């Protein structure tokens, strides 16, 4: 005969199993893409041009996250150049460093053959980690903040292959003129109790960062936008979902590469102000969203949206598309290695 105590104890294993299943289900959902790319199929050009670049055009190739290769047929410039893309497990629980064979495979596939400059928007690992190796393998010059230059030194770049950029001072690379503008990083977020917010006591990478290191050792070190002029054509590359109020008031562009990571996770007033301070101020004819893909997956497979764990690609795109349609701004997405001829 069962007593009252044993009856109370008996269901406990079932509760434990159900609890574990709930945790597994939630984890499975969190690590799924935060959107379905097929919903936006009409926004992809579905081509990768291999023909010579027409005179007066600039060919843009999307290489994931915020890595954009611009090519006028004579000179190539690159933002960030994050190609190794270590897995989520490795990034979270191990030390990371550039993978030379992976980096070289991207260089080869993207036909990075006349690269003269790499501009790094900030010094988190998903932007700066591979930039020194790309510079080494292509003989390009690395431009960035003091933090970026310390990543370069740690990776073995010489000082004469790097240059600290000065916001507001134009840099001439071939027929490209690049002006660096001060900006802000996407507002901080917290996952599993950890935040990516910059420690105000340690805002920069102060000494050469010698790999392998933890992902958290890559400190932001300031965030920057790139205003790029080529003849009468103008481009702005904004890698992070944030803004400095009024910083773009005197700038107008034809093409805007706009970081949309975590946009819909921000308060509605922030979303409205972000759109106003970027798209409505710059008045581009074409808007190309960037920093939407899951950078824990390699470039060798088709890009997928950021994980549900920290983003909502579907809501980000719905917001951008609605606002852009109201303002009659064309929107295009690019898959990895996909190209578009601008202007």
Protein backbone atom coordinates (compact mmCIF):
# COMPACT_ATOMS: atom_id res chain seq x y z
CA UNK A 1 0.00 0.00 0.00
CA UNK A 2 1.41 3.42 -1.00
CA UNK A 3 1.59 6.11 1.60
CA UNK A 4 0.98 9.81 0.97
CA UNK A 5 4.69 10.65 0.90
CA UNK A 6 5.52 8.16 -1.87
CA UNK A 7 2.62 9.45 -3.99
CA UNK A 8 4.03 12.95 -3.79
CA UNK A 9 7.53 11.83 -4.70
CA UNK A 10 6.64 9.57 -7.63
CA UNK A 11 5.82 12.27 -10.25
CA UNK A 12 9.10 14.10 -9.76
CA UNK A 13 11.05 12.25 -12.49
CA UNK A 14 8.26 13.12 -14.94
CA UNK A 15 8.47 16.79 -14.01
CA UNK A 16 12.26 16.65 -14.50
CA UNK A 17 11.85 15.11 -17.95
CA UNK A 18 9.25 17.69 -18.95
CA UNK A 19 11.47 20.48 -17.67
CA UNK A 20 14.45 19.19 -19.67
CA UNK A 21 12.28 18.87 -22.77
CA UNK A 22 11.09 22.45 -22.31
CA UNK A 23 14.69 23.65 -22.03
CA UNK A 24 15.66 21.70 -25.16
CA UNK A 25 12.67 23.09 -27.05
CA UNK A 26 13.48 26.67 -26.04
CA UNK A 27 17.14 26.17 -26.97
CA UNK A 28 16.15 24.72 -30.32
CA UNK A 29 13.97 27.76 -31.03
CA UNK A 30 16.65 30.19 -29.87
CA UNK A 31 19.23 28.71 -32.24
CA UNK A 32 16.97 28.78 -35.29
CA UNK A 33 17.18 31.55 -37.92
CA UNK A 34 15.07 34.57 -36.98
CA UNK A 35 13.47 34.73 -40.41
CA UNK A 36 12.93 32.96 -43.71
CA UNK A 37 14.91 34.29 -46.68
CA UNK A 38 12.50 32.83 -49.22
CA UNK A 39 9.97 35.43 -48.07
CA UNK A 40 12.30 38.06 -49.57
CA UNK A 41 13.32 36.21 -52.71
CA UNK A 42 12.26 39.08 -54.99
CA UNK A 43 14.77 41.40 -53.28
CA UNK A 44 17.80 39.31 -54.29
CA UNK A 45 19.37 39.91 -57.72
CA UNK A 46 20.33 36.20 -57.96
CA UNK A 47 23.41 36.89 -60.03
CA UNK A 48 27.15 37.17 -59.61
CA UNK A 49 28.64 39.22 -62.39
CA UNK A 50 31.81 37.83 -63.94
CA UNK A 51 31.89 40.20 -66.91
CA UNK A 52 34.27 43.19 -66.86
CA UNK A 53 32.97 46.08 -64.80
CA UNK A 54 31.34 48.66 -67.11
CA UNK A 55 33.05 52.05 -67.16
CA UNK A 56 31.65 54.37 -64.50
CA UNK A 57 30.13 51.51 -62.49
CA UNK A 58 31.18 50.22 -59.08
CA UNK A 59 30.67 46.53 -58.43
CA UNK A 60 29.72 45.68 -54.86
CA UNK A 61 30.17 42.13 -53.54
CA UNK A 62 28.61 41.12 -50.23
CA UNK A 63 30.85 38.83 -48.16
CA UNK A 64 28.64 38.46 -45.10
CA UNK A 65 28.07 40.52 -41.95
CA UNK A 66 29.48 43.97 -42.87
CA UNK A 67 32.20 42.86 -45.30
CA UNK A 68 31.66 44.69 -48.58
CA UNK A 69 34.05 44.65 -51.52
CA UNK A 70 33.85 47.69 -53.81
CA UNK A 71 35.55 47.48 -57.20
CA UNK A 72 35.69 50.07 -60.01
CA UNK A 73 37.68 47.81 -62.32
CA UNK A 74 40.98 49.39 -61.31
CA UNK A 75 40.95 49.50 -57.51
CA UNK A 76 39.26 47.45 -54.81
CA UNK A 77 38.49 48.58 -51.28
CA UNK A 78 37.00 46.40 -48.54
CA UNK A 79 35.17 46.98 -45.28
CA UNK A 80 36.04 44.69 -42.35
CA UNK A 81 36.79 41.43 -44.18
CA UNK A 82 35.53 38.95 -41.56
CA UNK A 83 35.79 35.61 -43.36
CA UNK A 84 36.79 32.91 -40.81
CA UNK A 85 33.40 33.00 -39.02
CA UNK A 86 34.13 30.50 -36.17
CA UNK A 87 31.18 28.47 -34.87
CA UNK A 88 29.01 29.63 -32.00
CA UNK A 89 30.40 26.85 -29.80
CA UNK A 90 34.02 27.78 -30.52
CA UNK A 91 33.36 31.49 -30.10
CA UNK A 92 31.59 31.01 -26.78
CA UNK A 93 33.82 28.40 -25.17
CA UNK A 94 37.25 28.62 -26.76
CA UNK A 95 39.83 31.05 -28.07
CA UNK A 96 39.55 32.18 -31.68
CA UNK A 97 41.86 33.30 -34.46
CA UNK A 98 41.90 33.72 -38.22
CA UNK A 99 41.81 30.61 -40.38
CA UNK A 100 44.34 31.22 -43.20
CA UNK A 101 42.90 28.63 -45.60
CA UNK A 102 39.36 29.92 -45.15
CA UNK A 103 40.47 33.52 -45.62
CA UNK A 104 42.41 32.61 -48.77
CA UNK A 105 39.46 30.67 -50.19
CA UNK A 106 37.24 33.75 -49.84
CA UNK A 107 39.92 35.96 -51.40
CA UNK A 108 40.10 33.56 -54.35
CA UNK A 109 36.36 33.09 -54.80
CA UNK A 110 35.59 36.82 -54.53
CA UNK A 111 38.45 37.60 -56.94
CA UNK A 112 40.10 40.00 -54.52
CA UNK A 113 43.01 40.70 -56.86
CA UNK A 114 43.69 44.45 -56.63
CA UNK A 115 42.75 45.31 -53.06
CA UNK A 116 44.39 48.52 -51.87
CA UNK A 117 42.67 49.27 -48.56
CA UNK A 118 40.66 47.67 -45.75
CA UNK A 119 38.51 49.93 -43.55
CA UNK A 120 37.36 48.47 -40.22
CA UNK A 121 34.20 49.96 -38.69
CA UNK A 122 34.98 48.82 -35.13
CA UNK A 123 37.12 46.28 -33.32
CA UNK A 124 34.74 43.53 -32.25
CA UNK A 125 35.91 40.16 -33.57
CA UNK A 126 33.14 39.85 -36.19
CA UNK A 127 34.56 42.93 -37.91
CA UNK A 128 38.31 43.09 -37.27
CA UNK A 129 39.57 39.58 -36.58
CA UNK A 130 40.56 38.66 -40.16
CA UNK A 131 41.42 42.15 -41.40
CA UNK A 132 45.18 41.85 -40.64
CA UNK A 133 45.43 38.47 -42.40
CA UNK A 134 43.53 39.79 -45.43
CA UNK A 135 45.96 42.72 -45.50
CA UNK A 136 48.93 40.32 -45.34
CA UNK A 137 47.64 38.07 -48.10
CA UNK A 138 46.70 40.91 -50.45
CA UNK A 139 49.32 43.56 -49.53
CA UNK A 140 46.47 46.00 -48.86
CA UNK A 141 46.73 48.74 -46.24
CA UNK A 142 44.70 48.44 -43.04
CA UNK A 143 42.85 51.56 -41.88
CA UNK A 144 41.20 51.72 -38.46
CA UNK A 145 41.11 53.01 -34.93
CA UNK A 146 43.96 52.57 -32.44
CA UNK A 147 42.21 49.37 -31.28
CA UNK A 148 42.14 48.00 -34.83
CA UNK A 149 45.83 48.82 -35.25
CA UNK A 150 46.62 46.89 -32.07
CA UNK A 151 44.83 43.88 -33.54
CA UNK A 152 47.00 44.35 -36.61
CA UNK A 153 50.20 44.54 -34.57
CA UNK A 154 49.24 41.42 -32.62
CA UNK A 155 48.71 39.56 -35.88
CA UNK A 156 52.14 40.57 -37.17
CA UNK A 157 51.36 43.48 -39.48
CA UNK A 158 54.05 46.14 -39.74
CA UNK A 159 53.26 49.74 -38.88
CA UNK A 160 53.85 50.88 -42.46
CA UNK A 161 51.00 48.59 -43.62
CA UNK A 162 48.52 50.26 -41.27
CA UNK A 163 47.15 53.74 -40.76
CA UNK A 164 45.01 55.19 -38.00
CA UNK A 165 42.19 57.04 -39.66
CA UNK A 166 41.01 60.44 -38.54
CA UNK A 167 37.25 61.07 -38.64
CA UNK A 168 36.42 63.82 -41.10
CA UNK A 169 39.71 63.62 -43.00
CA UNK A 170 39.27 62.24 -46.57
CA UNK A 171 41.49 59.36 -47.68
CA UNK A 172 42.22 58.90 -51.40
CA UNK A 173 42.48 55.31 -52.66
CA UNK A 174 42.58 55.21 -56.46
CA UNK A 175 39.46 57.03 -57.62
CA UNK A 176 37.72 56.36 -54.30
CA UNK A 177 37.60 59.05 -51.62
CA UNK A 178 36.72 57.67 -48.19
CA UNK A 179 35.71 59.92 -45.31
CA UNK A 180 35.39 58.28 -41.91
CA UNK A 181 32.48 59.50 -39.77
CA UNK A 182 32.04 58.89 -36.05
CA UNK A 183 29.04 56.77 -35.14
CA UNK A 184 27.79 54.48 -32.37
CA UNK A 185 27.59 50.73 -31.90
CA UNK A 186 24.23 48.97 -31.85
CA UNK A 187 22.74 49.42 -28.33
CA UNK A 188 24.13 46.83 -25.87
CA UNK A 189 22.29 43.55 -25.36
CA UNK A 190 22.45 40.76 -22.81
CA UNK A 191 22.39 37.02 -23.55
CA UNK A 192 22.68 34.35 -20.85
CA UNK A 193 23.60 37.06 -18.36
CA UNK A 194 26.47 38.41 -20.47
CA UNK A 195 26.49 41.80 -22.20
CA UNK A 196 28.47 43.18 -25.12
CA UNK A 197 28.48 46.67 -23.62
CA UNK A 198 31.89 48.35 -23.60
CA UNK A 199 33.48 48.68 -20.17
CA UNK A 200 33.95 52.46 -19.74
CA UNK A 201 37.16 51.74 -17.82
CA UNK A 202 38.57 49.79 -20.80
CA UNK A 203 37.06 51.27 -23.99
CA UNK A 204 39.97 50.36 -26.27
CA UNK A 205 42.44 47.59 -27.06
CA UNK A 206 45.50 49.18 -25.48
CA UNK A 207 48.27 46.78 -26.55
CA UNK A 208 48.95 44.32 -29.40
CA UNK A 209 46.31 41.58 -29.33
CA UNK A 210 48.14 38.31 -30.07
CA UNK A 211 45.87 35.47 -31.24
CA UNK A 212 44.37 33.14 -30.30
CA UNK A 213 42.26 35.13 -27.82
CA UNK A 214 38.75 35.12 -26.43
CA UNK A 215 36.06 36.85 -28.48
CA UNK A 216 35.53 39.26 -25.57
CA UNK A 217 39.14 40.46 -25.88
CA UNK A 218 38.12 42.26 -29.08
CA UNK A 219 36.96 45.57 -27.58
CA UNK A 220 34.85 47.91 -29.72
CA UNK A 221 37.29 50.84 -29.67
CA UNK A 222 34.85 53.28 -31.28
CA UNK A 223 32.41 52.76 -34.15
CA UNK A 224 32.58 54.48 -37.54
CA UNK A 225 30.65 54.94 -40.78
CA UNK A 226 32.28 55.26 -44.20
CA UNK A 227 31.23 57.93 -46.70
CA UNK A 228 32.63 56.91 -50.07
CA UNK A 229 32.76 59.13 -53.14
CA UNK A 230 33.68 58.00 -56.63
CA UNK A 231 33.29 60.75 -59.18
CA UNK A 232 29.77 62.08 -58.79
CA UNK A 233 28.56 58.86 -57.12
CA UNK A 234 28.21 58.57 -53.35
CA UNK A 235 27.87 55.61 -50.97
CA UNK A 236 27.51 55.36 -47.20
CA UNK A 237 28.31 52.16 -45.32
CA UNK A 238 26.75 52.11 -41.84
CA UNK A 239 27.66 48.84 -40.19
CA UNK A 240 25.96 49.28 -36.82
CA UNK A 241 22.32 49.90 -35.97
CA UNK A 242 22.82 53.26 -34.27
CA UNK A 243 23.58 56.88 -35.05
CA UNK A 244 25.05 60.13 -33.83
CA UNK A 245 22.28 62.69 -34.00
CA UNK A 246 22.86 65.18 -36.81
CA UNK A 247 26.12 63.55 -37.98
CA UNK A 248 24.75 62.88 -41.47
CA UNK A 249 22.77 66.10 -41.93
CA UNK A 250 25.10 67.41 -44.65
CA UNK A 251 25.51 64.08 -46.44
CA UNK A 252 23.44 62.80 -49.37
CA UNK A 253 24.10 59.46 -51.07
CA UNK A 254 22.98 57.31 -53.97
CA UNK A 255 23.44 53.99 -52.15
CA UNK A 256 23.17 53.18 -48.45
CA UNK A 257 24.47 49.92 -46.96
CA UNK A 258 22.56 49.86 -43.68
CA UNK A 259 23.20 47.65 -40.66
CA UNK A 260 19.86 46.33 -39.39
CA UNK A 261 20.96 43.89 -36.66
CA UNK A 262 18.53 44.00 -33.71
CA UNK A 263 16.63 46.99 -35.08
CA UNK A 264 13.18 45.68 -34.15
CA UNK A 265 14.40 44.76 -30.64
CA UNK A 266 14.89 48.45 -29.86
CA UNK A 267 12.13 50.72 -28.50
CA UNK A 268 9.86 52.15 -31.20
CA UNK A 269 11.08 55.74 -30.67
CA UNK A 270 14.66 54.52 -31.32
CA UNK A 271 13.58 52.72 -34.49
CA UNK A 272 11.87 55.85 -35.78
CA UNK A 273 14.81 58.09 -34.97
CA UNK A 274 17.31 55.65 -36.46
CA UNK A 275 15.39 55.58 -39.74
CA UNK A 276 15.00 59.35 -39.75
CA UNK A 277 18.70 59.97 -39.01
CA UNK A 278 19.84 57.56 -41.73
CA UNK A 279 17.49 56.82 -44.63
CA UNK A 280 15.40 60.00 -44.53
CA UNK A 281 18.47 62.19 -44.02
CA UNK A 282 20.71 60.55 -46.63
CA UNK A 283 17.91 60.15 -49.22
CA UNK A 284 19.45 57.15 -51.06
CA UNK A 285 17.95 55.74 -54.23
CA UNK A 286 19.01 52.23 -53.16
CA UNK A 287 19.16 50.69 -49.66
CA UNK A 288 21.03 47.41 -49.09
CA UNK A 289 20.59 45.87 -45.60
CA UNK A 290 23.74 44.37 -44.03
CA UNK A 291 24.67 42.68 -40.73
CA UNK A 292 21.57 40.48 -40.98
CA UNK A 293 23.23 37.08 -41.39
CA UNK A 294 24.23 34.39 -38.91
CA UNK A 295 28.02 34.87 -38.82
CA UNK A 296 28.56 31.63 -36.89
CA UNK A 297 28.00 29.77 -40.17
CA UNK A 298 30.68 29.68 -42.89
CA UNK A 299 30.55 31.69 -46.10
CA UNK A 300 30.87 28.43 -48.03
CA UNK A 301 27.14 27.79 -47.49
CA UNK A 302 24.22 30.14 -48.27
CA UNK A 303 23.76 32.85 -45.67
CA UNK A 304 20.93 32.54 -43.16
CA UNK A 305 19.37 35.24 -40.96
CA UNK A 306 20.73 35.95 -37.50
CA UNK A 307 19.66 33.55 -34.75
CA UNK A 308 16.45 34.05 -32.79
CA UNK A 309 18.67 34.05 -29.72
CA UNK A 310 19.63 37.67 -30.35
CA UNK A 311 17.71 39.09 -33.31
CA UNK A 312 14.49 39.21 -35.31
CA UNK A 313 15.33 39.42 -39.02
CA UNK A 314 11.69 39.10 -40.06
CA UNK A 315 10.59 42.12 -38.04
CA UNK A 316 13.70 44.11 -39.00
CA UNK A 317 12.95 43.63 -42.70
CA UNK A 318 9.23 44.32 -42.40
CA UNK A 319 9.98 47.65 -40.73
CA UNK A 320 12.63 48.67 -43.29
CA UNK A 321 10.54 47.60 -46.28
CA UNK A 322 7.43 49.45 -45.13
CA UNK A 323 9.29 52.67 -44.41
CA UNK A 324 11.38 52.46 -47.59
CA UNK A 325 8.27 51.85 -49.69
CA UNK A 326 6.63 54.95 -48.19
CA UNK A 327 9.74 56.97 -49.11
CA UNK A 328 10.08 55.37 -52.57
CA UNK A 329 13.53 53.91 -51.78
CA UNK A 330 14.50 50.70 -53.59
CA UNK A 331 15.64 47.85 -51.30
CA UNK A 332 17.86 44.95 -52.36
CA UNK A 333 19.40 42.09 -50.41
CA UNK A 334 22.59 40.28 -51.34
CA UNK A 335 23.46 36.65 -50.65
CA UNK A 336 27.07 35.71 -49.88
CA UNK A 337 29.40 36.42 -52.85
CA UNK A 338 26.49 37.98 -54.74
CA UNK A 339 27.30 41.15 -56.65
CA UNK A 340 25.50 44.24 -57.86
CA UNK A 341 26.71 46.95 -60.23
CA UNK A 342 25.94 50.32 -58.69
CA UNK A 343 25.02 53.55 -60.51
